[in-house]
Amino acid sequence: EHLILTHPESAVVPQARRLLDRLRG
């Protein structure tokens, strides 16, 4: 969550969103 909010322009955000979805089940 910190990554997505702090670095929304980063190229790793799509991977972070997938991990976020997995963590949320």
mmCIF file of all heavy atoms, coordinates in Angstrom:
data_MODEL
# 
_entry.id   MODEL 
# 
loop_
_atom_site.group_PDB 
_atom_site.id 
_atom_site.type_symbol 
_atom_site.label_atom_id 
_atom_site.label_alt_id 
_atom_site.label_comp_id 
_atom_site.label_asym_id 
_atom_site.label_entity_id 
_atom_site.label_seq_id 
_atom_site.pdbx_PDB_ins_code 
_atom_site.Cartn_x 
_atom_site.Cartn_y 
_atom_site.Cartn_z 
_atom_site.occupancy 
_atom_site.B_iso_or_equiv 
_atom_site.pdbx_formal_charge 
_atom_site.auth_seq_id 
_atom_site.auth_comp_id 
_atom_site.auth_asym_id 
_atom_site.auth_atom_id 
_atom_site.pdbx_PDB_model_num 
ATOM 1   N N   . GLU A 1 1  ? 0.829  -1.203  0.000   1.00 0.00 ? 1  GLU A N   1 
ATOM 2   C CA  . GLU A 1 1  ? 0.000  0.000   0.000   1.00 0.00 ? 1  GLU A CA  1 
ATOM 3   C C   . GLU A 1 1  ? 0.865  1.255   0.000   1.00 0.00 ? 1  GLU A C   1 
ATOM 4   O O   . GLU A 1 1  ? 0.585  2.216   -0.724  1.00 0.00 ? 1  GLU A O   1 
ATOM 5   C CB  . GLU A 1 1  ? -0.950 -0.011  1.201   1.00 0.00 ? 1  GLU A CB  1 
ATOM 6   C CG  . GLU A 1 1  ? -2.061 -1.033  1.064   1.00 0.00 ? 1  GLU A CG  1 
ATOM 7   C CD  . GLU A 1 1  ? -2.910 -1.169  2.310   1.00 0.00 ? 1  GLU A CD  1 
ATOM 8   O OE1 . GLU A 1 1  ? -2.479 -0.729  3.405   1.00 0.00 ? 1  GLU A OE1 1 
ATOM 9   O OE2 . GLU A 1 1  ? -4.011 -1.741  2.200   1.00 0.00 ? 1  GLU A OE2 1 
ATOM 10  N N   . HIS A 1 2  ? 1.926  1.258   0.798   1.00 0.00 ? 2  HIS A N   1 
ATOM 11  C CA  . HIS A 1 2  ? 2.831  2.408   0.843   1.00 0.00 ? 2  HIS A CA  1 
ATOM 12  C C   . HIS A 1 2  ? 3.468  2.634   -0.523  1.00 0.00 ? 2  HIS A C   1 
ATOM 13  O O   . HIS A 1 2  ? 3.542  3.760   -1.013  1.00 0.00 ? 2  HIS A O   1 
ATOM 14  C CB  . HIS A 1 2  ? 3.908  2.195   1.916   1.00 0.00 ? 2  HIS A CB  1 
ATOM 15  C CG  . HIS A 1 2  ? 4.863  3.324   2.011   1.00 0.00 ? 2  HIS A CG  1 
ATOM 16  N ND1 . HIS A 1 2  ? 6.074  3.322   1.344   1.00 0.00 ? 2  HIS A ND1 1 
ATOM 17  C CD2 . HIS A 1 2  ? 4.790  4.503   2.677   1.00 0.00 ? 2  HIS A CD2 1 
ATOM 18  C CE1 . HIS A 1 2  ? 6.704  4.459   1.601   1.00 0.00 ? 2  HIS A CE1 1 
ATOM 19  N NE2 . HIS A 1 2  ? 5.945  5.191   2.401   1.00 0.00 ? 2  HIS A NE2 1 
ATOM 20  N N   . LEU A 1 3  ? 3.914  1.566   -1.163  1.00 0.00 ? 3  LEU A N   1 
ATOM 21  C CA  . LEU A 1 3  ? 4.538  1.668   -2.477  1.00 0.00 ? 3  LEU A CA  1 
ATOM 22  C C   . LEU A 1 3  ? 3.578  2.308   -3.479  1.00 0.00 ? 3  LEU A C   1 
ATOM 23  O O   . LEU A 1 3  ? 3.943  3.251   -4.185  1.00 0.00 ? 3  LEU A O   1 
ATOM 24  C CB  . LEU A 1 3  ? 4.949  0.274   -2.957  1.00 0.00 ? 3  LEU A CB  1 
ATOM 25  C CG  . LEU A 1 3  ? 5.722  0.138   -4.262  1.00 0.00 ? 3  LEU A CG  1 
ATOM 26  C CD1 . LEU A 1 3  ? 6.343  -1.247  -4.329  1.00 0.00 ? 3  LEU A CD1 1 
ATOM 27  C CD2 . LEU A 1 3  ? 4.922  0.395   -5.491  1.00 0.00 ? 3  LEU A CD2 1 
ATOM 28  N N   . ILE A 1 4  ? 2.357  1.808   -3.539  1.00 0.00 ? 4  ILE A N   1 
ATOM 29  C CA  . ILE A 1 4  ? 1.383  2.302   -4.517  1.00 0.00 ? 4  ILE A CA  1 
ATOM 30  C C   . ILE A 1 4  ? 1.039  3.770   -4.276  1.00 0.00 ? 4  ILE A C   1 
ATOM 31  O O   . ILE A 1 4  ? 0.944  4.564   -5.221  1.00 0.00 ? 4  ILE A O   1 
ATOM 32  C CB  . ILE A 1 4  ? 0.120  1.417   -4.515  1.00 0.00 ? 4  ILE A CB  1 
ATOM 33  C CG1 . ILE A 1 4  ? 0.464  0.025   -5.062  1.00 0.00 ? 4  ILE A CG1 1 
ATOM 34  C CG2 . ILE A 1 4  ? -1.007 2.054   -5.325  1.00 0.00 ? 4  ILE A CG2 1 
ATOM 35  C CD1 . ILE A 1 4  ? -0.607 -1.024  -4.849  1.00 0.00 ? 4  ILE A CD1 1 
ATOM 36  N N   . LEU A 1 5  ? 0.890  4.137   -3.013  1.00 0.00 ? 5  LEU A N   1 
ATOM 37  C CA  . LEU A 1 5  ? 0.543  5.522   -2.700  1.00 0.00 ? 5  LEU A CA  1 
ATOM 38  C C   . LEU A 1 5  ? 1.722  6.482   -2.857  1.00 0.00 ? 5  LEU A C   1 
ATOM 39  O O   . LEU A 1 5  ? 1.543  7.629   -3.265  1.00 0.00 ? 5  LEU A O   1 
ATOM 40  C CB  . LEU A 1 5  ? -0.008 5.615   -1.278  1.00 0.00 ? 5  LEU A CB  1 
ATOM 41  C CG  . LEU A 1 5  ? -1.360 4.939   -1.058  1.00 0.00 ? 5  LEU A CG  1 
ATOM 42  C CD1 . LEU A 1 5  ? -1.721 4.939   0.419   1.00 0.00 ? 5  LEU A CD1 1 
ATOM 43  C CD2 . LEU A 1 5  ? -2.438 5.630   -1.881  1.00 0.00 ? 5  LEU A CD2 1 
ATOM 44  N N   . THR A 1 6  ? 2.917  6.029   -2.551  1.00 0.00 ? 6  THR A N   1 
ATOM 45  C CA  . THR A 1 6  ? 4.093  6.900   -2.583  1.00 0.00 ? 6  THR A CA  1 
ATOM 46  C C   . THR A 1 6  ? 4.697  7.015   -3.973  1.00 0.00 ? 6  THR A C   1 
ATOM 47  O O   . THR A 1 6  ? 5.240  8.051   -4.334  1.00 0.00 ? 6  THR A O   1 
ATOM 48  C CB  . THR A 1 6  ? 5.162  6.378   -1.595  1.00 0.00 ? 6  THR A CB  1 
ATOM 49  O OG1 . THR A 1 6  ? 4.564  6.220   -0.320  1.00 0.00 ? 6  THR A OG1 1 
ATOM 50  C CG2 . THR A 1 6  ? 6.330  7.330   -1.489  1.00 0.00 ? 6  THR A CG2 1 
ATOM 51  N N   . HIS A 1 7  ? 4.625  5.944   -4.758  1.00 0.00 ? 7  HIS A N   1 
ATOM 52  C CA  . HIS A 1 7  ? 5.261  5.917   -6.076  1.00 0.00 ? 7  HIS A CA  1 
ATOM 53  C C   . HIS A 1 7  ? 4.258  5.483   -7.150  1.00 0.00 ? 7  HIS A C   1 
ATOM 54  O O   . HIS A 1 7  ? 4.466  4.486   -7.845  1.00 0.00 ? 7  HIS A O   1 
ATOM 55  C CB  . HIS A 1 7  ? 6.453  4.949   -6.064  1.00 0.00 ? 7  HIS A CB  1 
ATOM 56  C CG  . HIS A 1 7  ? 7.457  5.238   -5.012  1.00 0.00 ? 7  HIS A CG  1 
ATOM 57  N ND1 . HIS A 1 7  ? 8.396  6.237   -5.129  1.00 0.00 ? 7  HIS A ND1 1 
ATOM 58  C CD2 . HIS A 1 7  ? 7.670  4.658   -3.803  1.00 0.00 ? 7  HIS A CD2 1 
ATOM 59  C CE1 . HIS A 1 7  ? 9.146  6.254   -4.041  1.00 0.00 ? 7  HIS A CE1 1 
ATOM 60  N NE2 . HIS A 1 7  ? 8.722  5.315   -3.219  1.00 0.00 ? 7  HIS A NE2 1 
ATOM 61  N N   . PRO A 1 8  ? 3.148  6.212   -7.319  1.00 0.00 ? 8  PRO A N   1 
ATOM 62  C CA  . PRO A 1 8  ? 2.119  5.775   -8.271  1.00 0.00 ? 8  PRO A CA  1 
ATOM 63  C C   . PRO A 1 8  ? 2.608  5.727   -9.716  1.00 0.00 ? 8  PRO A C   1 
ATOM 64  O O   . PRO A 1 8  ? 2.016  5.037   -10.542 1.00 0.00 ? 8  PRO A O   1 
ATOM 65  C CB  . PRO A 1 8  ? 1.011  6.811   -8.101  1.00 0.00 ? 8  PRO A CB  1 
ATOM 66  C CG  . PRO A 1 8  ? 1.692  8.016   -7.566  1.00 0.00 ? 8  PRO A CG  1 
ATOM 67  C CD  . PRO A 1 8  ? 2.823  7.495   -6.703  1.00 0.00 ? 8  PRO A CD  1 
ATOM 68  N N   . GLU A 1 9  ? 3.689  6.425   -10.017 1.00 0.00 ? 9  GLU A N   1 
ATOM 69  C CA  . GLU A 1 9  ? 4.206  6.464   -11.383 1.00 0.00 ? 9  GLU A CA  1 
ATOM 70  C C   . GLU A 1 9  ? 5.211  5.352   -11.676 1.00 0.00 ? 9  GLU A C   1 
ATOM 71  O O   . GLU A 1 9  ? 5.660  5.197   -12.808 1.00 0.00 ? 9  GLU A O   1 
ATOM 72  C CB  . GLU A 1 9  ? 4.877  7.825   -11.627 1.00 0.00 ? 9  GLU A CB  1 
ATOM 73  C CG  . GLU A 1 9  ? 6.235  8.008   -10.971 1.00 0.00 ? 9  GLU A CG  1 
ATOM 74  C CD  . GLU A 1 9  ? 6.260  8.077   -9.442  1.00 0.00 ? 9  GLU A CD  1 
ATOM 75  O OE1 . GLU A 1 9  ? 5.226  8.319   -8.800  1.00 0.00 ? 9  GLU A OE1 1 
ATOM 76  O OE2 . GLU A 1 9  ? 7.337  7.872   -8.876  1.00 0.00 ? 9  GLU A OE2 1 
ATOM 77  N N   . SER A 1 10 ? 5.554  4.560   -10.678 1.00 0.00 ? 10 SER A N   1 
ATOM 78  C CA  . SER A 1 10 ? 6.576  3.530   -10.841 1.00 0.00 ? 10 SER A CA  1 
ATOM 79  C C   . SER A 1 10 ? 6.129  2.401   -11.765 1.00 0.00 ? 10 SER A C   1 
ATOM 80  O O   . SER A 1 10 ? 4.964  2.007   -11.785 1.00 0.00 ? 10 SER A O   1 
ATOM 81  C CB  . SER A 1 10 ? 6.945  2.944   -9.478  1.00 0.00 ? 10 SER A CB  1 
ATOM 82  O OG  . SER A 1 10 ? 7.799  1.827   -9.647  1.00 0.00 ? 10 SER A OG  1 
ATOM 83  N N   . ALA A 1 11 ? 7.090  1.854   -12.466 1.00 0.00 ? 11 ALA A N   1 
ATOM 84  C CA  . ALA A 1 11 ? 6.819  0.732   -13.368 1.00 0.00 ? 11 ALA A CA  1 
ATOM 85  C C   . ALA A 1 11 ? 6.472  -0.547  -12.608 1.00 0.00 ? 11 ALA A C   1 
ATOM 86  O O   . ALA A 1 11 ? 5.918  -1.472  -13.202 1.00 0.00 ? 11 ALA A O   1 
ATOM 87  C CB  . ALA A 1 11 ? 8.026  0.487   -14.263 1.00 0.00 ? 11 ALA A CB  1 
ATOM 88  N N   . VAL A 1 12 ? 6.757  -0.612  -11.313 1.00 0.00 ? 12 VAL A N   1 
ATOM 89  C CA  . VAL A 1 12 ? 6.445  -1.823  -10.544 1.00 0.00 ? 12 VAL A CA  1 
ATOM 90  C C   . VAL A 1 12 ? 5.043  -1.789  -9.932  1.00 0.00 ? 12 VAL A C   1 
ATOM 91  O O   . VAL A 1 12 ? 4.619  -2.755  -9.306  1.00 0.00 ? 12 VAL A O   1 
ATOM 92  C CB  . VAL A 1 12 ? 7.500  -2.120  -9.447  1.00 0.00 ? 12 VAL A CB  1 
ATOM 93  C CG1 . VAL A 1 12 ? 8.876  -2.297  -10.053 1.00 0.00 ? 12 VAL A CG1 1 
ATOM 94  C CG2 . VAL A 1 12 ? 7.495  -1.075  -8.367  1.00 0.00 ? 12 VAL A CG2 1 
ATOM 95  N N   . VAL A 1 13 ? 4.314  -0.718  -10.126 1.00 0.00 ? 13 VAL A N   1 
ATOM 96  C CA  . VAL A 1 13 ? 2.971  -0.612  -9.546  1.00 0.00 ? 13 VAL A CA  1 
ATOM 97  C C   . VAL A 1 13 ? 2.032  -1.725  -10.029 1.00 0.00 ? 13 VAL A C   1 
ATOM 98  O O   . VAL A 1 13 ? 1.289  -2.283  -9.216  1.00 0.00 ? 13 VAL A O   1 
ATOM 99  C CB  . VAL A 1 13 ? 2.368  0.798   -9.757  1.00 0.00 ? 13 VAL A CB  1 
ATOM 100 C CG1 . VAL A 1 13 ? 0.877  0.826   -9.456  1.00 0.00 ? 13 VAL A CG1 1 
ATOM 101 C CG2 . VAL A 1 13 ? 3.099  1.802   -8.864  1.00 0.00 ? 13 VAL A CG2 1 
ATOM 102 N N   . PRO A 1 14 ? 2.040  -2.116  -11.306 1.00 0.00 ? 14 PRO A N   1 
ATOM 103 C CA  . PRO A 1 14 ? 1.161  -3.232  -11.691 1.00 0.00 ? 14 PRO A CA  1 
ATOM 104 C C   . PRO A 1 14 ? 1.476  -4.527  -10.921 1.00 0.00 ? 14 PRO A C   1 
ATOM 105 O O   . PRO A 1 14 ? 0.559  -5.242  -10.504 1.00 0.00 ? 14 PRO A O   1 
ATOM 106 C CB  . PRO A 1 14 ? 1.423  -3.395  -13.191 1.00 0.00 ? 14 PRO A CB  1 
ATOM 107 C CG  . PRO A 1 14 ? 1.851  -2.032  -13.631 1.00 0.00 ? 14 PRO A CG  1 
ATOM 108 C CD  . PRO A 1 14 ? 2.656  -1.489  -12.481 1.00 0.00 ? 14 PRO A CD  1 
ATOM 109 N N   . GLN A 1 15 ? 2.749  -4.809  -10.702 1.00 0.00 ? 15 GLN A N   1 
ATOM 110 C CA  . GLN A 1 15 ? 3.123  -5.977  -9.906  1.00 0.00 ? 15 GLN A CA  1 
ATOM 111 C C   . GLN A 1 15 ? 2.663  -5.800  -8.461  1.00 0.00 ? 15 GLN A C   1 
ATOM 112 O O   . GLN A 1 15 ? 2.197  -6.749  -7.830  1.00 0.00 ? 15 GLN A O   1 
ATOM 113 C CB  . GLN A 1 15 ? 4.638  -6.184  -9.935  1.00 0.00 ? 15 GLN A CB  1 
ATOM 114 C CG  . GLN A 1 15 ? 5.175  -6.578  -11.285 1.00 0.00 ? 15 GLN A CG  1 
ATOM 115 C CD  . GLN A 1 15 ? 6.683  -6.529  -11.278 1.00 0.00 ? 15 GLN A CD  1 
ATOM 116 O OE1 . GLN A 1 15 ? 7.261  -5.453  -11.401 1.00 0.00 ? 15 GLN A OE1 1 
ATOM 117 N NE2 . GLN A 1 15 ? 7.302  -7.673  -11.124 1.00 0.00 ? 15 GLN A NE2 1 
ATOM 118 N N   . ALA A 1 16 ? 2.799  -4.597  -7.955  1.00 0.00 ? 16 ALA A N   1 
ATOM 119 C CA  . ALA A 1 16 ? 2.378  -4.317  -6.585  1.00 0.00 ? 16 ALA A CA  1 
ATOM 120 C C   . ALA A 1 16 ? 0.866  -4.496  -6.448  1.00 0.00 ? 16 ALA A C   1 
ATOM 121 O O   . ALA A 1 16 ? 0.387  -5.038  -5.445  1.00 0.00 ? 16 ALA A O   1 
ATOM 122 C CB  . ALA A 1 16 ? 2.785  -2.900  -6.188  1.00 0.00 ? 16 ALA A CB  1 
ATOM 123 N N   . ARG A 1 17 ? 0.124  -4.077  -7.441  1.00 0.00 ? 17 ARG A N   1 
ATOM 124 C CA  . ARG A 1 17 ? -1.337 -4.246  -7.393  1.00 0.00 ? 17 ARG A CA  1 
ATOM 125 C C   . ARG A 1 17 ? -1.728 -5.726  -7.413  1.00 0.00 ? 17 ARG A C   1 
ATOM 126 O O   . ARG A 1 17 ? -2.656 -6.141  -6.730  1.00 0.00 ? 17 ARG A O   1 
ATOM 127 C CB  . ARG A 1 17 ? -2.004 -3.498  -8.547  1.00 0.00 ? 17 ARG A CB  1 
ATOM 128 C CG  . ARG A 1 17 ? -1.953 -1.995  -8.378  1.00 0.00 ? 17 ARG A CG  1 
ATOM 129 C CD  . ARG A 1 17 ? -2.835 -1.306  -9.413  1.00 0.00 ? 17 ARG A CD  1 
ATOM 130 N NE  . ARG A 1 17 ? -2.632 0.116   -9.401  1.00 0.00 ? 17 ARG A NE  1 
ATOM 131 C CZ  . ARG A 1 17 ? -3.111 0.952   -8.485  1.00 0.00 ? 17 ARG A CZ  1 
ATOM 132 N NH1 . ARG A 1 17 ? -3.819 0.488   -7.486  1.00 0.00 ? 17 ARG A NH1 1 
ATOM 133 N NH2 . ARG A 1 17 ? -2.882 2.247   -8.563  1.00 0.00 ? 17 ARG A NH2 1 
ATOM 134 N N   . ARG A 1 18 ? -1.018 -6.530  -8.212  1.00 0.00 ? 18 ARG A N   1 
ATOM 135 C CA  . ARG A 1 18 ? -1.287 -7.973  -8.218  1.00 0.00 ? 18 ARG A CA  1 
ATOM 136 C C   . ARG A 1 18 ? -0.994 -8.587  -6.852  1.00 0.00 ? 18 ARG A C   1 
ATOM 137 O O   . ARG A 1 18 ? -1.765 -9.403  -6.351  1.00 0.00 ? 18 ARG A O   1 
ATOM 138 C CB  . ARG A 1 18 ? -0.466 -8.674  -9.306  1.00 0.00 ? 18 ARG A CB  1 
ATOM 139 C CG  . ARG A 1 18 ? -1.055 -8.509  -10.692 1.00 0.00 ? 18 ARG A CG  1 
ATOM 140 C CD  . ARG A 1 18 ? -0.405 -9.415  -11.710 1.00 0.00 ? 18 ARG A CD  1 
ATOM 141 N NE  . ARG A 1 18 ? 1.010  -9.130  -11.930 1.00 0.00 ? 18 ARG A NE  1 
ATOM 142 C CZ  . ARG A 1 18 ? 1.482  -8.186  -12.735 1.00 0.00 ? 18 ARG A CZ  1 
ATOM 143 N NH1 . ARG A 1 18 ? 0.650  -7.430  -13.414 1.00 0.00 ? 18 ARG A NH1 1 
ATOM 144 N NH2 . ARG A 1 18 ? 2.771  -8.019  -12.896 1.00 0.00 ? 18 ARG A NH2 1 
ATOM 145 N N   . LEU A 1 19 ? 0.121  -8.172  -6.242  1.00 0.00 ? 19 LEU A N   1 
ATOM 146 C CA  . LEU A 1 19 ? 0.453  -8.670  -4.910  1.00 0.00 ? 19 LEU A CA  1 
ATOM 147 C C   . LEU A 1 19 ? -0.592 -8.204  -3.899  1.00 0.00 ? 19 LEU A C   1 
ATOM 148 O O   . LEU A 1 19 ? -1.022 -8.976  -3.037  1.00 0.00 ? 19 LEU A O   1 
ATOM 149 C CB  . LEU A 1 19 ? 1.854  -8.214  -4.501  1.00 0.00 ? 19 LEU A CB  1 
ATOM 150 C CG  . LEU A 1 19 ? 2.330  -8.613  -3.110  1.00 0.00 ? 19 LEU A CG  1 
ATOM 151 C CD1 . LEU A 1 19 ? 2.255  -10.124 -2.896  1.00 0.00 ? 19 LEU A CD1 1 
ATOM 152 C CD2 . LEU A 1 19 ? 3.748  -8.109  -2.877  1.00 0.00 ? 19 LEU A CD2 1 
ATOM 153 N N   . LEU A 1 20 ? -1.036 -6.971  -4.022  1.00 0.00 ? 20 LEU A N   1 
ATOM 154 C CA  . LEU A 1 20 ? -2.070 -6.440  -3.130  1.00 0.00 ? 20 LEU A CA  1 
ATOM 155 C C   . LEU A 1 20 ? -3.346 -7.269  -3.247  1.00 0.00 ? 20 LEU A C   1 
ATOM 156 O O   . LEU A 1 20 ? -3.944 -7.653  -2.227  1.00 0.00 ? 20 LEU A O   1 
ATOM 157 C CB  . LEU A 1 20 ? -2.349 -4.976  -3.471  1.00 0.00 ? 20 LEU A CB  1 
ATOM 158 C CG  . LEU A 1 20 ? -3.392 -4.259  -2.629  1.00 0.00 ? 20 LEU A CG  1 
ATOM 159 C CD1 . LEU A 1 20 ? -2.945 -4.139  -1.181  1.00 0.00 ? 20 LEU A CD1 1 
ATOM 160 C CD2 . LEU A 1 20 ? -3.656 -2.877  -3.207  1.00 0.00 ? 20 LEU A CD2 1 
ATOM 161 N N   . ASP A 1 21 ? -3.760 -7.571  -4.465  1.00 0.00 ? 21 ASP A N   1 
ATOM 162 C CA  . ASP A 1 21 ? -4.955 -8.399  -4.661  1.00 0.00 ? 21 ASP A CA  1 
ATOM 163 C C   . ASP A 1 21 ? -4.775 -9.782  -4.046  1.00 0.00 ? 21 ASP A C   1 
ATOM 164 O O   . ASP A 1 21 ? -5.693 -10.316 -3.422  1.00 0.00 ? 21 ASP A O   1 
ATOM 165 C CB  . ASP A 1 21 ? -5.278 -8.531  -6.151  1.00 0.00 ? 21 ASP A CB  1 
ATOM 166 C CG  . ASP A 1 21 ? -5.804 -7.242  -6.765  1.00 0.00 ? 21 ASP A CG  1 
ATOM 167 O OD1 . ASP A 1 21 ? -6.246 -6.354  -6.000  1.00 0.00 ? 21 ASP A OD1 1 
ATOM 168 O OD2 . ASP A 1 21 ? -5.767 -7.131  -8.009  1.00 0.00 ? 21 ASP A OD2 1 
ATOM 169 N N   . ARG A 1 22 ? -3.609 -10.359 -4.226  1.00 0.00 ? 22 ARG A N   1 
ATOM 170 C CA  . ARG A 1 22 ? -3.342 -11.676 -3.654  1.00 0.00 ? 22 ARG A CA  1 
ATOM 171 C C   . ARG A 1 22 ? -3.360 -11.624 -2.132  1.00 0.00 ? 22 ARG A C   1 
ATOM 172 O O   . ARG A 1 22 ? -3.938 -12.497 -1.482  1.00 0.00 ? 22 ARG A O   1 
ATOM 173 C CB  . ARG A 1 22 ? -1.994 -12.193 -4.169  1.00 0.00 ? 22 ARG A CB  1 
ATOM 174 C CG  . ARG A 1 22 ? -1.816 -13.656 -3.956  1.00 0.00 ? 22 ARG A CG  1 
ATOM 175 C CD  . ARG A 1 22 ? -0.653 -14.238 -4.726  1.00 0.00 ? 22 ARG A CD  1 
ATOM 176 N NE  . ARG A 1 22 ? 0.627  -13.673 -4.332  1.00 0.00 ? 22 ARG A NE  1 
ATOM 177 C CZ  . ARG A 1 22 ? 1.480  -13.074 -5.164  1.00 0.00 ? 22 ARG A CZ  1 
ATOM 178 N NH1 . ARG A 1 22 ? 1.188  -12.969 -6.426  1.00 0.00 ? 22 ARG A NH1 1 
ATOM 179 N NH2 . ARG A 1 22 ? 2.615  -12.604 -4.722  1.00 0.00 ? 22 ARG A NH2 1 
ATOM 180 N N   . LEU A 1 23 ? -2.779 -10.588 -1.560  1.00 0.00 ? 23 LEU A N   1 
ATOM 181 C CA  . LEU A 1 23 ? -2.768 -10.440 -0.107  1.00 0.00 ? 23 LEU A CA  1 
ATOM 182 C C   . LEU A 1 23 ? -4.171 -10.237 0.448   1.00 0.00 ? 23 LEU A C   1 
ATOM 183 O O   . LEU A 1 23 ? -4.477 -10.706 1.552   1.00 0.00 ? 23 LEU A O   1 
ATOM 184 C CB  . LEU A 1 23 ? -1.868 -9.272  0.317   1.00 0.00 ? 23 LEU A CB  1 
ATOM 185 C CG  . LEU A 1 23 ? -0.369 -9.488  0.140   1.00 0.00 ? 23 LEU A CG  1 
ATOM 186 C CD1 . LEU A 1 23 ? 0.365  -8.166  0.241   1.00 0.00 ? 23 LEU A CD1 1 
ATOM 187 C CD2 . LEU A 1 23 ? 0.147  -10.480 1.164   1.00 0.00 ? 23 LEU A CD2 1 
ATOM 188 N N   . ARG A 1 24 ? -5.010 -9.573  -0.306  1.00 0.00 ? 24 ARG A N   1 
ATOM 189 C CA  . ARG A 1 24 ? -6.401 -9.363  0.125   1.00 0.00 ? 24 ARG A CA  1 
ATOM 190 C C   . ARG A 1 24 ? -7.271 -10.564 -0.158  1.00 0.00 ? 24 ARG A C   1 
ATOM 191 O O   . ARG A 1 24 ? -8.440 -10.598 0.219   1.00 0.00 ? 24 ARG A O   1 
ATOM 192 C CB  . ARG A 1 24 ? -6.976 -8.130  -0.585  1.00 0.00 ? 24 ARG A CB  1 
ATOM 193 C CG  . ARG A 1 24 ? -6.386 -6.840  -0.092  1.00 0.00 ? 24 ARG A CG  1 
ATOM 194 C CD  . ARG A 1 24 ? -7.006 -5.668  -0.805  1.00 0.00 ? 24 ARG A CD  1 
ATOM 195 N NE  . ARG A 1 24 ? -6.552 -4.416  -0.248  1.00 0.00 ? 24 ARG A NE  1 
ATOM 196 C CZ  . ARG A 1 24 ? -6.706 -3.253  -0.844  1.00 0.00 ? 24 ARG A CZ  1 
ATOM 197 N NH1 . ARG A 1 24 ? -7.311 -3.182  -2.031  1.00 0.00 ? 24 ARG A NH1 1 
ATOM 198 N NH2 . ARG A 1 24 ? -6.268 -2.140  -0.279  1.00 0.00 ? 24 ARG A NH2 1 
ATOM 199 N N   . GLY A 1 25 ? -6.746 -11.561 -0.862  1.00 0.00 ? 25 GLY A N   1 
ATOM 200 C CA  . GLY A 1 25 ? -7.485 -12.775 -1.144  1.00 0.00 ? 25 GLY A CA  1 
ATOM 201 C C   . GLY A 1 25 ? -8.421 -12.690 -2.316  1.00 0.00 ? 25 GLY A C   1 
ATOM 202 O O   . GLY A 1 25 ? -9.306 -13.542 -2.476  1.00 0.00 ? 25 GLY A O   1 
# 
